[in-house]
């Protein structure tokens, strides 16, 4: 897979995870019966981000994703129904945005 495709895939997975999280938090979507989907999206997001960073660490998009690894590592310990969870999850957004912009 091309380097920029990995960055795009990681960014897309993060966006999908945030969209599902926001929809769940605002009760637009009820995930009580399939909560595993949000967890699976997190695993996909974290995995793609690690692979994108590892394969692109010398490129600008790859370097811009490095700080996103911190919130991804902290989020499992931030609780699920707290403002802290939302804040930690949102902390990665600027780095995905910068990496996506660096691709173009």
N, C-alpha and C. Protein backbone atom coordinates (compact mmCIF):
# COMPACT_ATOMS: atom_id res chain seq x y z
N UNK A 1 0.85 -1.17 0.00
CA UNK A 1 0.00 0.00 0.00
C UNK A 1 0.89 1.23 0.00
N UNK A 2 0.52 2.23 -0.79
CA UNK A 2 1.32 3.45 -0.85
C UNK A 2 1.26 4.20 0.48
N UNK A 3 2.32 4.96 0.72
CA UNK A 3 2.45 5.68 1.99
C UNK A 3 1.29 6.64 2.22
N UNK A 4 0.93 7.43 1.20
CA UNK A 4 -0.15 8.39 1.40
C UNK A 4 -1.50 7.69 1.54
N UNK A 5 -1.64 6.49 0.98
CA UNK A 5 -2.89 5.74 1.14
C UNK A 5 -3.05 5.28 2.59
N UNK A 6 -1.95 4.95 3.24
CA UNK A 6 -2.02 4.57 4.66
C UNK A 6 -2.44 5.74 5.53
N UNK A 7 -1.91 6.92 5.24
CA UNK A 7 -2.29 8.12 5.99
C UNK A 7 -3.78 8.40 5.75
N UNK A 8 -4.22 8.27 4.51
CA UNK A 8 -5.64 8.50 4.19
C UNK A 8 -6.53 7.47 4.89
N UNK A 9 -6.10 6.22 4.91
CA UNK A 9 -6.88 5.18 5.57
C UNK A 9 -6.97 5.42 7.08
N UNK A 10 -5.85 5.80 7.70
CA UNK A 10 -5.85 6.10 9.14
C UNK A 10 -6.75 7.28 9.45
N UNK A 11 -6.68 8.31 8.61
CA UNK A 11 -7.51 9.50 8.79
C UNK A 11 -8.99 9.16 8.61
N UNK A 12 -9.30 8.36 7.62
CA UNK A 12 -10.68 7.94 7.39
C UNK A 12 -11.23 7.10 8.53
N UNK A 13 -10.41 6.20 9.05
CA UNK A 13 -10.84 5.38 10.19
C UNK A 13 -11.10 6.24 11.42
N UNK A 14 -10.23 7.23 11.64
CA UNK A 14 -10.42 8.15 12.77
C UNK A 14 -11.73 8.92 12.59
N UNK A 15 -11.96 9.44 11.39
CA UNK A 15 -13.19 10.20 11.12
C UNK A 15 -14.43 9.34 11.32
N UNK A 16 -14.39 8.10 10.87
CA UNK A 16 -15.53 7.20 11.06
C UNK A 16 -15.76 6.92 12.54
N UNK A 17 -14.69 6.73 13.28
CA UNK A 17 -14.81 6.46 14.71
C UNK A 17 -15.37 7.67 15.45
N UNK A 18 -14.90 8.85 15.11
CA UNK A 18 -15.42 10.07 15.73
C UNK A 18 -16.90 10.25 15.38
N UNK A 19 -17.25 10.02 14.13
CA UNK A 19 -18.66 10.16 13.71
C UNK A 19 -19.56 9.21 14.49
N UNK A 20 -19.12 7.96 14.64
CA UNK A 20 -19.91 7.00 15.41
C UNK A 20 -19.97 7.40 16.88
N UNK A 21 -18.86 7.85 17.43
CA UNK A 21 -18.83 8.27 18.83
C UNK A 21 -19.75 9.45 19.10
N UNK A 22 -19.72 10.44 18.21
CA UNK A 22 -20.59 11.62 18.36
C UNK A 22 -22.06 11.21 18.20
N UNK A 23 -22.34 10.38 17.22
CA UNK A 23 -23.72 9.93 17.00
C UNK A 23 -24.24 9.14 18.20
N UNK A 24 -23.38 8.38 18.82
CA UNK A 24 -23.77 7.62 20.00
C UNK A 24 -23.96 8.54 21.20
N UNK A 25 -23.04 9.48 21.39
CA UNK A 25 -23.12 10.39 22.53
C UNK A 25 -24.35 11.30 22.46
N UNK A 26 -24.74 11.67 21.26
CA UNK A 26 -25.90 12.54 21.08
C UNK A 26 -27.19 11.75 20.91
N UNK A 27 -27.09 10.44 21.02
CA UNK A 27 -28.22 9.51 20.94
C UNK A 27 -28.91 9.52 19.59
N UNK A 28 -28.17 9.86 18.56
CA UNK A 28 -28.69 9.74 17.20
C UNK A 28 -28.67 8.26 16.81
N UNK A 29 -27.66 7.55 17.30
CA UNK A 29 -27.51 6.12 17.04
C UNK A 29 -27.44 5.40 18.39
N UNK A 30 -28.15 4.30 18.49
CA UNK A 30 -28.10 3.49 19.71
C UNK A 30 -27.20 2.29 19.45
N UNK A 31 -26.04 2.29 20.08
CA UNK A 31 -25.09 1.20 19.88
C UNK A 31 -25.07 0.23 21.07
N UNK A 32 -26.08 0.29 21.92
CA UNK A 32 -26.07 -0.55 23.11
C UNK A 32 -26.02 -2.03 22.77
N UNK A 33 -26.59 -2.43 21.65
CA UNK A 33 -26.58 -3.85 21.26
C UNK A 33 -25.37 -4.23 20.43
N UNK A 34 -24.66 -3.24 19.91
CA UNK A 34 -23.47 -3.54 19.11
C UNK A 34 -22.35 -2.57 19.42
N UNK A 35 -22.06 -2.46 20.71
CA UNK A 35 -21.00 -1.57 21.20
C UNK A 35 -19.63 -1.95 20.64
N UNK A 36 -19.47 -3.21 20.26
CA UNK A 36 -18.20 -3.71 19.73
C UNK A 36 -17.78 -2.97 18.47
N UNK A 37 -18.73 -2.39 17.73
CA UNK A 37 -18.39 -1.69 16.48
C UNK A 37 -17.46 -0.52 16.77
N UNK A 38 -17.78 0.26 17.80
CA UNK A 38 -16.94 1.40 18.16
C UNK A 38 -15.55 0.91 18.60
N UNK A 39 -15.51 -0.18 19.33
CA UNK A 39 -14.24 -0.74 19.77
C UNK A 39 -13.44 -1.26 18.58
N UNK A 40 -14.10 -1.91 17.65
CA UNK A 40 -13.42 -2.41 16.45
C UNK A 40 -12.87 -1.25 15.61
N UNK A 41 -13.64 -0.18 15.50
CA UNK A 41 -13.16 1.00 14.76
C UNK A 41 -11.94 1.61 15.46
N UNK A 42 -11.94 1.60 16.77
CA UNK A 42 -10.77 2.10 17.51
C UNK A 42 -9.54 1.25 17.19
N UNK A 43 -9.70 -0.05 17.20
CA UNK A 43 -8.57 -0.95 16.92
C UNK A 43 -8.07 -0.73 15.49
N UNK A 44 -8.98 -0.59 14.55
CA UNK A 44 -8.59 -0.31 13.15
C UNK A 44 -7.87 1.02 13.06
N UNK A 45 -8.42 2.04 13.72
CA UNK A 45 -7.81 3.37 13.70
C UNK A 45 -6.40 3.34 14.28
N UNK A 46 -6.26 2.75 15.45
CA UNK A 46 -4.94 2.70 16.10
C UNK A 46 -3.96 1.89 15.26
N UNK A 47 -4.40 0.78 14.73
CA UNK A 47 -3.51 -0.07 13.93
C UNK A 47 -3.06 0.64 12.66
N UNK A 48 -4.00 1.24 11.94
CA UNK A 48 -3.64 1.96 10.72
C UNK A 48 -2.73 3.14 11.01
N UNK A 49 -2.95 3.81 12.13
CA UNK A 49 -2.11 4.95 12.48
C UNK A 49 -0.69 4.50 12.79
N UNK A 50 -0.55 3.43 13.53
CA UNK A 50 0.78 2.90 13.84
C UNK A 50 1.50 2.49 12.56
N UNK A 51 0.80 1.79 11.67
CA UNK A 51 1.42 1.36 10.41
C UNK A 51 1.77 2.57 9.55
N UNK A 52 0.87 3.56 9.49
CA UNK A 52 1.14 4.77 8.70
C UNK A 52 2.36 5.51 9.23
N UNK A 53 2.48 5.61 10.53
CA UNK A 53 3.64 6.28 11.13
C UNK A 53 4.90 5.47 10.88
N UNK A 54 4.83 4.17 11.09
CA UNK A 54 6.02 3.32 10.93
C UNK A 54 6.55 3.32 9.50
N UNK A 55 5.66 3.37 8.53
CA UNK A 55 6.10 3.33 7.13
C UNK A 55 6.37 4.70 6.54
N UNK A 56 5.92 5.74 7.22
CA UNK A 56 6.06 7.10 6.68
C UNK A 56 6.79 8.05 7.61
N UNK A 57 7.55 7.54 8.55
CA UNK A 57 8.14 8.40 9.57
C UNK A 57 9.07 9.46 8.97
N UNK A 58 9.59 9.21 7.79
CA UNK A 58 10.48 10.20 7.16
C UNK A 58 9.74 11.19 6.28
N UNK A 59 8.45 10.98 6.08
CA UNK A 59 7.67 11.90 5.25
C UNK A 59 6.92 12.89 6.15
N UNK A 60 6.52 13.99 5.57
CA UNK A 60 5.79 15.00 6.35
C UNK A 60 4.47 14.45 6.89
N UNK A 61 3.64 13.78 6.07
CA UNK A 61 2.38 13.26 6.64
C UNK A 61 2.62 12.27 7.78
N UNK A 62 3.62 11.41 7.64
CA UNK A 62 3.91 10.44 8.70
C UNK A 62 4.36 11.10 9.98
N UNK A 63 5.21 12.09 9.86
CA UNK A 63 5.68 12.80 11.07
C UNK A 63 4.54 13.54 11.74
N UNK A 64 3.61 14.03 10.96
CA UNK A 64 2.49 14.78 11.56
C UNK A 64 1.51 13.87 12.29
N UNK A 65 1.54 12.59 12.01
CA UNK A 65 0.67 11.65 12.71
C UNK A 65 1.27 11.16 14.03
N UNK A 66 2.55 11.32 14.22
CA UNK A 66 3.21 10.81 15.43
C UNK A 66 2.51 11.28 16.71
N UNK A 67 2.20 12.58 16.86
CA UNK A 67 1.54 13.01 18.11
C UNK A 67 0.16 12.39 18.32
N UNK A 68 -0.49 11.94 17.27
CA UNK A 68 -1.82 11.32 17.41
C UNK A 68 -1.73 9.99 18.15
N UNK A 69 -0.54 9.41 18.20
CA UNK A 69 -0.37 8.14 18.90
C UNK A 69 -0.60 8.29 20.41
N UNK A 70 -0.33 9.47 20.95
CA UNK A 70 -0.50 9.67 22.40
C UNK A 70 -1.97 9.58 22.80
N UNK A 71 -2.87 10.36 22.19
CA UNK A 71 -4.28 10.19 22.57
C UNK A 71 -4.82 8.78 22.30
N UNK A 72 -4.35 8.16 21.22
CA UNK A 72 -4.79 6.80 20.94
C UNK A 72 -4.36 5.82 22.03
N UNK A 73 -3.20 6.07 22.63
CA UNK A 73 -2.72 5.21 23.71
C UNK A 73 -3.45 5.50 25.02
N UNK A 74 -3.87 6.73 25.22
CA UNK A 74 -4.50 7.14 26.49
C UNK A 74 -6.00 6.84 26.52
N UNK A 75 -6.66 6.87 25.38
CA UNK A 75 -8.13 6.78 25.34
C UNK A 75 -8.71 5.55 26.05
N UNK A 76 -8.08 4.38 26.01
CA UNK A 76 -8.68 3.25 26.74
C UNK A 76 -8.75 3.46 28.26
N UNK A 77 -7.95 4.39 28.78
CA UNK A 77 -7.90 4.65 30.21
C UNK A 77 -8.67 5.91 30.61
N UNK A 78 -9.33 6.55 29.66
CA UNK A 78 -10.00 7.82 29.92
C UNK A 78 -11.46 7.66 30.33
N UNK A 79 -11.93 6.45 30.47
CA UNK A 79 -13.34 6.25 30.79
C UNK A 79 -14.16 6.37 29.51
N UNK A 80 -15.41 5.96 29.57
CA UNK A 80 -16.22 5.98 28.35
C UNK A 80 -17.32 7.02 28.34
N UNK A 81 -17.82 7.39 29.47
CA UNK A 81 -18.94 8.34 29.51
C UNK A 81 -18.55 9.62 30.24
N UNK A 82 -17.37 10.12 29.92
CA UNK A 82 -16.91 11.32 30.61
C UNK A 82 -16.42 12.34 29.58
N UNK A 83 -16.34 13.57 30.02
CA UNK A 83 -15.78 14.62 29.15
C UNK A 83 -14.33 14.33 28.82
N UNK A 84 -13.65 13.66 29.73
CA UNK A 84 -12.25 13.32 29.50
C UNK A 84 -12.11 12.43 28.26
N UNK A 85 -13.03 11.48 28.07
CA UNK A 85 -13.00 10.60 26.90
C UNK A 85 -13.11 11.43 25.62
N UNK A 86 -14.06 12.35 25.61
CA UNK A 86 -14.26 13.19 24.41
C UNK A 86 -13.05 14.09 24.16
N UNK A 87 -12.49 14.65 25.24
CA UNK A 87 -11.34 15.54 25.10
C UNK A 87 -10.11 14.80 24.58
N UNK A 88 -9.86 13.62 25.11
CA UNK A 88 -8.71 12.84 24.67
C UNK A 88 -8.89 12.42 23.21
N UNK A 89 -10.09 11.98 22.87
CA UNK A 89 -10.36 11.56 21.49
C UNK A 89 -10.20 12.74 20.53
N UNK A 90 -10.69 13.89 20.93
CA UNK A 90 -10.59 15.09 20.07
C UNK A 90 -9.17 15.61 19.96
N UNK A 91 -8.33 15.29 20.92
CA UNK A 91 -6.94 15.78 20.89
C UNK A 91 -6.16 15.26 19.69
N UNK A 92 -6.58 14.15 19.13
CA UNK A 92 -5.89 13.60 17.96
C UNK A 92 -6.31 14.28 16.66
N UNK A 93 -7.45 14.93 16.65
CA UNK A 93 -8.00 15.50 15.41
C UNK A 93 -7.05 16.44 14.67
N UNK A 94 -6.40 17.38 15.34
CA UNK A 94 -5.52 18.29 14.58
C UNK A 94 -4.39 17.56 13.86
N UNK A 95 -3.91 16.48 14.43
CA UNK A 95 -2.79 15.76 13.82
C UNK A 95 -3.24 14.97 12.59
N UNK A 96 -4.44 14.42 12.64
CA UNK A 96 -4.99 13.76 11.45
C UNK A 96 -5.27 14.79 10.36
N UNK A 97 -5.78 15.95 10.75
CA UNK A 97 -6.05 17.00 9.77
C UNK A 97 -4.76 17.49 9.12
N UNK A 98 -3.74 17.73 9.93
CA UNK A 98 -2.46 18.19 9.37
C UNK A 98 -1.83 17.14 8.46
N UNK A 99 -1.93 15.87 8.84
CA UNK A 99 -1.39 14.79 8.01
C UNK A 99 -2.14 14.71 6.69
N UNK A 100 -3.46 14.86 6.75
CA UNK A 100 -4.26 14.83 5.53
C UNK A 100 -3.94 16.01 4.62
N UNK A 101 -3.75 17.17 5.21
CA UNK A 101 -3.41 18.35 4.42
C UNK A 101 -2.02 18.23 3.80
N UNK A 102 -1.10 17.59 4.51
CA UNK A 102 0.25 17.41 4.00
C UNK A 102 0.29 16.46 2.82
N UNK A 103 -0.70 15.57 2.75
CA UNK A 103 -0.80 14.62 1.63
C UNK A 103 -1.12 15.34 0.33
N UNK A 104 -1.95 16.38 0.42
CA UNK A 104 -2.43 17.02 -0.80
C UNK A 104 -1.47 18.04 -1.35
